[in-house]
Amino acid sequence: MFADEAPGRRGLAAAIARLATGWAILGGVVLLAVVAINAVSVLGAAFGTSFSGDFELTEMGVAVAVFAFLPYCQLTDANVTADIFTARASPRVVAGLRALASLVAFGFGCLLLWRMYPGMVDQRDYNASTAILQIPIWWAYLPILASLLLLAATALLTLIEDLREARG
């Protein structure tokens, strides 16, 4: 399905890379749906009709999409970097710094996964829902938790790859 997202990767590493790519594409589809909802809302307002709950859908959709992009950004080394500091560094030093960044991303993913799961359970137990559409808020946590799990997996994968490169 996706030919170029896993160059040199085989087995589990290639599967994680394909999953992160597919997950990011699904995040893009969610973001396109949010854009369509907003376009319908604006056009509806221009013609005197309303789209109830557009703000709620936008809020939840953008959150889900942003988290869906994190594993792909980690996998493809597309996170924000300050290359001016590493422009003259050796490839091994750059790989070491990328390994450190992967370790931080792994910790970040695990920490958020650990704390957001109880947050989801609380939202579910309190029956929290959006004001207009009455969508249970905890539903948005499910794809976000999956994104964080995939972020941890991609960060671990890139950590291993960067450590191999740093060692030469």
C-alpha atoms as a PDB file:
ATOM      1  CA  MET A   1       0.000   0.000   0.000  1.00  0.00           C
ATOM      2  CA  PHE A   2       2.696   2.523   1.016  1.00  0.00           C
ATOM      3  CA  ALA A   3       5.993   1.916  -0.753  1.00  0.00           C
ATOM      4  CA  ASP A   4       8.397   4.586   0.503  1.00  0.00           C
ATOM      5  CA  GLU A   5       7.668   5.118   4.194  1.00  0.00           C
ATOM      6  CA  ALA A   6       9.811   2.206   5.358  1.00  0.00           C
ATOM      7  CA  PRO A   7      13.072   2.279   3.366  1.00  0.00           C
ATOM      8  CA  GLY A   8      15.492  -0.233   4.837  1.00  0.00           C
ATOM      9  CA  ARG A   9      12.993  -1.356   7.435  1.00  0.00           C
ATOM     10  CA  ARG A  10      11.729  -4.922   7.616  1.00  0.00           C
ATOM     11  CA  GLY A  11       9.412  -6.936   9.767  1.00  0.00           C
ATOM     12  CA  LEU A  12       7.980  -5.153  12.790  1.00  0.00           C
ATOM     13  CA  ALA A  13       9.806  -1.904  11.984  1.00  0.00           C
ATOM     14  CA  ALA A  14       8.236  -1.777   8.514  1.00  0.00           C
ATOM     15  CA  ALA A  15       4.815  -2.602   9.973  1.00  0.00           C
ATOM     16  CA  ILE A  16       5.105   0.242  12.486  1.00  0.00           C
ATOM     17  CA  ALA A  17       6.166   2.607   9.698  1.00  0.00           C
ATOM     18  CA  ARG A  18       3.205   1.613   7.517  1.00  0.00           C
ATOM     19  CA  LEU A  19       0.819   1.928  10.461  1.00  0.00           C
ATOM     20  CA  ALA A  20       2.132   5.423  11.316  1.00  0.00           C
ATOM     21  CA  THR A  21       1.745   6.482   7.685  1.00  0.00           C
ATOM     22  CA  GLY A  22      -1.790   5.131   7.426  1.00  0.00           C
ATOM     23  CA  TRP A  23      -2.713   6.701  10.756  1.00  0.00           C
ATOM     24  CA  ALA A  24      -1.439  10.101   9.567  1.00  0.00           C
ATOM     25  CA  ILE A  25      -3.509   9.754   6.394  1.00  0.00           C
ATOM     26  CA  LEU A  26      -6.587   9.053   8.530  1.00  0.00           C
ATOM     27  CA  GLY A  27      -5.713  12.159  10.559  1.00  0.00           C
ATOM     28  CA  GLY A  28      -5.633  14.101   7.293  1.00  0.00           C
ATOM     29  CA  VAL A  29      -9.065  12.761   6.378  1.00  0.00           C
ATOM     30  CA  VAL A  30     -10.384  13.914   9.764  1.00  0.00           C
ATOM     31  CA  LEU A  31      -8.857  17.350   9.183  1.00  0.00           C
ATOM     32  CA  LEU A  32     -10.443  17.546   5.724  1.00  0.00           C
ATOM     33  CA  ALA A  33     -13.799  16.677   7.311  1.00  0.00           C
ATOM     34  CA  VAL A  34     -13.299  19.525   9.808  1.00  0.00           C
ATOM     35  CA  VAL A  35     -12.570  21.914   6.940  1.00  0.00           C
ATOM     36  CA  ALA A  36     -15.722  20.732   5.135  1.00  0.00           C
ATOM     37  CA  ILE A  37     -17.804  21.214   8.284  1.00  0.00           C
ATOM     38  CA  ASN A  38     -16.477  24.744   8.670  1.00  0.00           C
ATOM     39  CA  ALA A  39     -17.108  25.531   5.003  1.00  0.00           C
ATOM     40  CA  VAL A  40     -20.697  24.303   5.311  1.00  0.00           C
ATOM     41  CA  SER A  41     -21.099  26.335   8.492  1.00  0.00           C
ATOM     42  CA  VAL A  42     -19.815  29.540   6.878  1.00  0.00           C
ATOM     43  CA  LEU A  43     -21.908  29.042   3.743  1.00  0.00           C
ATOM     44  CA  GLY A  44     -24.929  28.220   5.859  1.00  0.00           C
ATOM     45  CA  ALA A  45     -24.471  31.408   7.884  1.00  0.00           C
ATOM     46  CA  ALA A  46     -24.278  33.396   4.657  1.00  0.00           C
ATOM     47  CA  PHE A  47     -27.678  32.004   3.631  1.00  0.00           C
ATOM     48  CA  GLY A  48     -29.331  32.298   7.022  1.00  0.00           C
ATOM     49  CA  THR A  49     -29.099  28.671   8.133  1.00  0.00           C
ATOM     50  CA  SER A  50     -26.948  27.333  10.914  1.00  0.00           C
ATOM     51  CA  PHE A  51     -24.848  24.246  11.467  1.00  0.00           C
ATOM     52  CA  SER A  52     -25.323  23.351  15.105  1.00  0.00           C
ATOM     53  CA  GLY A  53     -22.288  21.960  16.845  1.00  0.00           C
ATOM     54  CA  ASP A  54     -19.696  22.946  14.265  1.00  0.00           C
ATOM     55  CA  PHE A  55     -17.418  24.322  16.964  1.00  0.00           C
ATOM     56  CA  GLU A  56     -17.627  21.089  18.965  1.00  0.00           C
ATOM     57  CA  LEU A  57     -16.804  18.953  15.920  1.00  0.00           C
ATOM     58  CA  THR A  58     -13.941  21.269  15.002  1.00  0.00           C
ATOM     59  CA  GLU A  59     -12.503  21.120  18.496  1.00  0.00           C
ATOM     60  CA  MET A  60     -12.613  17.338  18.699  1.00  0.00           C
ATOM     61  CA  GLY A  61     -11.567  16.753  15.089  1.00  0.00           C
ATOM     62  CA  VAL A  62      -8.520  19.007  15.216  1.00  0.00           C
ATOM     63  CA  ALA A  63      -7.352  17.407  18.476  1.00  0.00           C
ATOM     64  CA  VAL A  64      -7.667  13.920  16.986  1.00  0.00           C
ATOM     65  CA  ALA A  65      -5.897  14.978  13.768  1.00  0.00           C
ATOM     66  CA  VAL A  66      -2.987  16.669  15.535  1.00  0.00           C
ATOM     67  CA  PHE A  67      -2.298  13.621  17.669  1.00  0.00           C
ATOM     68  CA  ALA A  68      -2.601  11.370  14.588  1.00  0.00           C
ATOM     69  CA  PHE A  69       0.233  13.283  12.906  1.00  0.00           C
ATOM     70  CA  LEU A  70       2.709  12.936  15.806  1.00  0.00           C
ATOM     71  CA  PRO A  71       3.852   9.336  15.088  1.00  0.00           C
ATOM     72  CA  TYR A  72       4.476  10.117  11.410  1.00  0.00           C
ATOM     73  CA  CYS A  73       6.438  13.251  12.309  1.00  0.00           C
ATOM     74  CA  GLN A  74       8.563  11.187  14.676  1.00  0.00           C
ATOM     75  CA  LEU A  75       9.081   8.436  12.117  1.00  0.00           C
ATOM     76  CA  THR A  76      10.130  10.772   9.304  1.00  0.00           C
ATOM     77  CA  ASP A  77      12.221  13.113  11.477  1.00  0.00           C
ATOM     78  CA  ALA A  78       9.831  15.929  10.586  1.00  0.00           C
ATOM     79  CA  ASN A  79       9.727  17.539  14.013  1.00  0.00           C
ATOM     80  CA  VAL A  80      11.008  21.086  14.412  1.00  0.00           C
ATOM     81  CA  THR A  81      14.783  21.213  14.730  1.00  0.00           C
ATOM     82  CA  ALA A  82      17.443  23.904  14.962  1.00  0.00           C
ATOM     83  CA  ASP A  83      19.838  22.754  12.255  1.00  0.00           C
ATOM     84  CA  ILE A  84      22.040  25.809  12.692  1.00  0.00           C
ATOM     85  CA  PHE A  85      23.509  24.171  15.808  1.00  0.00           C
ATOM     86  CA  THR A  86      24.312  20.898  14.058  1.00  0.00           C
ATOM     87  CA  ALA A  87      25.322  22.143  10.597  1.00  0.00           C
ATOM     88  CA  ARG A  88      29.009  21.399  11.200  1.00  0.00           C
ATOM     89  CA  ALA A  89      28.562  18.393  13.469  1.00  0.00           C
ATOM     90  CA  SER A  90      29.570  14.933  12.351  1.00  0.00           C
ATOM     91  CA  PRO A  91      26.862  12.482  11.254  1.00  0.00           C
ATOM     92  CA  ARG A  92      27.495  10.458  14.428  1.00  0.00           C
ATOM     93  CA  VAL A  93      26.910  13.502  16.659  1.00  0.00           C
ATOM     94  CA  VAL A  94      23.722  14.378  14.751  1.00  0.00           C
ATOM     95  CA  ALA A  95      22.535  10.766  15.102  1.00  0.00           C
ATOM     96  CA  GLY A  96      23.285  10.926  18.836  1.00  0.00           C
ATOM     97  CA  LEU A  97      21.232  14.095  19.178  1.00  0.00           C
ATOM     98  CA  ARG A  98      18.402  12.511  17.183  1.00  0.00           C
ATOM     99  CA  ALA A  99      18.588   9.511  19.533  1.00  0.00           C
ATOM    100  CA  LEU A 100      18.245  11.870  22.494  1.00  0.00           C
ATOM    101  CA  ALA A 101      15.233  13.515  20.824  1.00  0.00           C
ATOM    102  CA  SER A 102      13.720  10.080  20.189  1.00  0.00           C
ATOM    103  CA  LEU A 103      14.187   9.216  23.857  1.00  0.00           C
ATOM    104  CA  VAL A 104      12.400  12.436  24.842  1.00  0.00           C
ATOM    105  CA  ALA A 105       9.583  11.666  22.373  1.00  0.00           C
ATOM    106  CA  PHE A 106       9.280   8.157  23.809  1.00  0.00           C
ATOM    107  CA  GLY A 107       9.039   9.552  27.337  1.00  0.00           C
ATOM    108  CA  PHE A 108       6.559  12.202  26.208  1.00  0.00           C
ATOM    109  CA  GLY A 109       4.369   9.599  24.482  1.00  0.00           C
ATOM    110  CA  CYS A 110       4.435   7.239  27.463  1.00  0.00           C
ATOM    111  CA  LEU A 111       3.751  10.014  29.986  1.00  0.00           C
ATOM    112  CA  LEU A 112       0.775  11.345  28.036  1.00  0.00           C
ATOM    113  CA  LEU A 113      -0.558   7.838  27.440  1.00  0.00           C
ATOM    114  CA  TRP A 114      -0.256   7.069  31.139  1.00  0.00           C
ATOM    115  CA  ARG A 115      -2.098  10.240  32.224  1.00  0.00           C
ATOM    116  CA  MET A 116      -4.659  10.563  29.426  1.00  0.00           C
ATOM    117  CA  TYR A 117      -6.087   7.092  29.991  1.00  0.00           C
ATOM    118  CA  PRO A 118      -7.369   8.019  33.483  1.00  0.00           C
ATOM    119  CA  GLY A 119      -8.617  11.297  31.982  1.00  0.00           C
ATOM    120  CA  MET A 120     -10.657   9.332  29.455  1.00  0.00           C
ATOM    121  CA  VAL A 121     -12.048   7.093  32.192  1.00  0.00           C
ATOM    122  CA  ASP A 122     -13.043  10.162  34.230  1.00  0.00           C
ATOM    123  CA  GLN A 123     -14.796  11.741  31.237  1.00  0.00           C
ATOM    124  CA  ARG A 124     -16.663   8.483  30.638  1.00  0.00           C
ATOM    125  CA  ASP A 125     -17.587   7.981  34.308  1.00  0.00           C
ATOM    126  CA  TYR A 126     -18.889  11.554  34.609  1.00  0.00           C
ATOM    127  CA  ASN A 127     -20.864  11.202  31.357  1.00  0.00           C
ATOM    128  CA  ALA A 128     -19.250  14.408  30.091  1.00  0.00           C
ATOM    129  CA  SER A 129     -20.514  15.372  26.669  1.00  0.00           C
ATOM    130  CA  THR A 130     -20.456  18.323  24.313  1.00  0.00           C
ATOM    131  CA  ALA A 131     -23.048  21.003  24.994  1.00  0.00           C
ATOM    132  CA  ILE A 132     -24.918  21.056  21.698  1.00  0.00           C
ATOM    133  CA  LEU A 133     -24.513  17.683  20.005  1.00  0.00           C
ATOM    134  CA  GLN A 134     -24.196  15.711  23.254  1.00  0.00           C
ATOM    135  CA  ILE A 135     -21.241  13.710  21.902  1.00  0.00           C
ATOM    136  CA  PRO A 136     -19.468  11.898  24.756  1.00  0.00           C
ATOM    137  CA  ILE A 137     -16.112  13.611  25.181  1.00  0.00           C
ATOM    138  CA  TRP A 138     -14.328  10.377  25.990  1.00  0.00           C
ATOM    139  CA  TRP A 139     -14.872   9.173  22.409  1.00  0.00           C
ATOM    140  CA  ALA A 140     -12.177  11.609  21.233  1.00  0.00           C
ATOM    141  CA  TYR A 141      -9.724  10.061  23.688  1.00  0.00           C
ATOM    142  CA  LEU A 142      -9.784   6.673  21.945  1.00  0.00           C
ATOM    143  CA  PRO A 143      -7.971   7.707  18.738  1.00  0.00           C
ATOM    144  CA  ILE A 144      -5.756  10.062  20.743  1.00  0.00           C
ATOM    145  CA  LEU A 145      -4.641   7.206  23.004  1.00  0.00           C
ATOM    146  CA  ALA A 146      -3.995   5.065  19.920  1.00  0.00           C
ATOM    147  CA  SER A 147      -1.900   7.924  18.502  1.00  0.00           C
ATOM    148  CA  LEU A 148       0.128   8.157  21.700  1.00  0.00           C
ATOM    149  CA  LEU A 149       0.739   4.412  21.711  1.00  0.00           C
ATOM    150  CA  LEU A 150       1.890   4.639  18.098  1.00  0.00           C
ATOM    151  CA  LEU A 151       4.055   7.657  18.976  1.00  0.00           C
ATOM    152  CA  ALA A 152       5.779   5.622  21.685  1.00  0.00           C
ATOM    153  CA  ALA A 153       6.335   2.772  19.214  1.00  0.00           C
ATOM    154  CA  THR A 154       7.747   5.043  16.505  1.00  0.00           C
ATOM    155  CA  ALA A 155       9.934   6.875  19.030  1.00  0.00           C
ATOM    156  CA  LEU A 156      11.331   3.552  20.248  1.00  0.00           C
ATOM    157  CA  LEU A 157      11.931   2.490  16.645  1.00  0.00           C
ATOM    158  CA  THR A 158      13.734   5.732  15.765  1.00  0.00           C
ATOM    159  CA  LEU A 159      15.709   5.574  19.024  1.00  0.00           C
ATOM    160  CA  ILE A 160      17.043   2.140  18.093  1.00  0.00           C
ATOM    161  CA  GLU A 161      17.845   3.260  14.550  1.00  0.00           C
ATOM    162  CA  ASP A 162      19.542   6.484  15.707  1.00  0.00           C
ATOM    163  CA  LEU A 163      21.616   4.643  18.315  1.00  0.00           C
ATOM    164  CA  ARG A 164      22.814   2.218  15.622  1.00  0.00           C
ATOM    165  CA  GLU A 165      23.777   5.137  13.412  1.00  0.00           C
ATOM    166  CA  ALA A 166      25.481   6.985  16.266  1.00  0.00           C
ATOM    167  CA  ARG A 167      27.613   3.937  17.066  1.00  0.00           C
ATOM    168  CA  GLY A 168      28.726   3.757  13.445  1.00  0.00           C
END
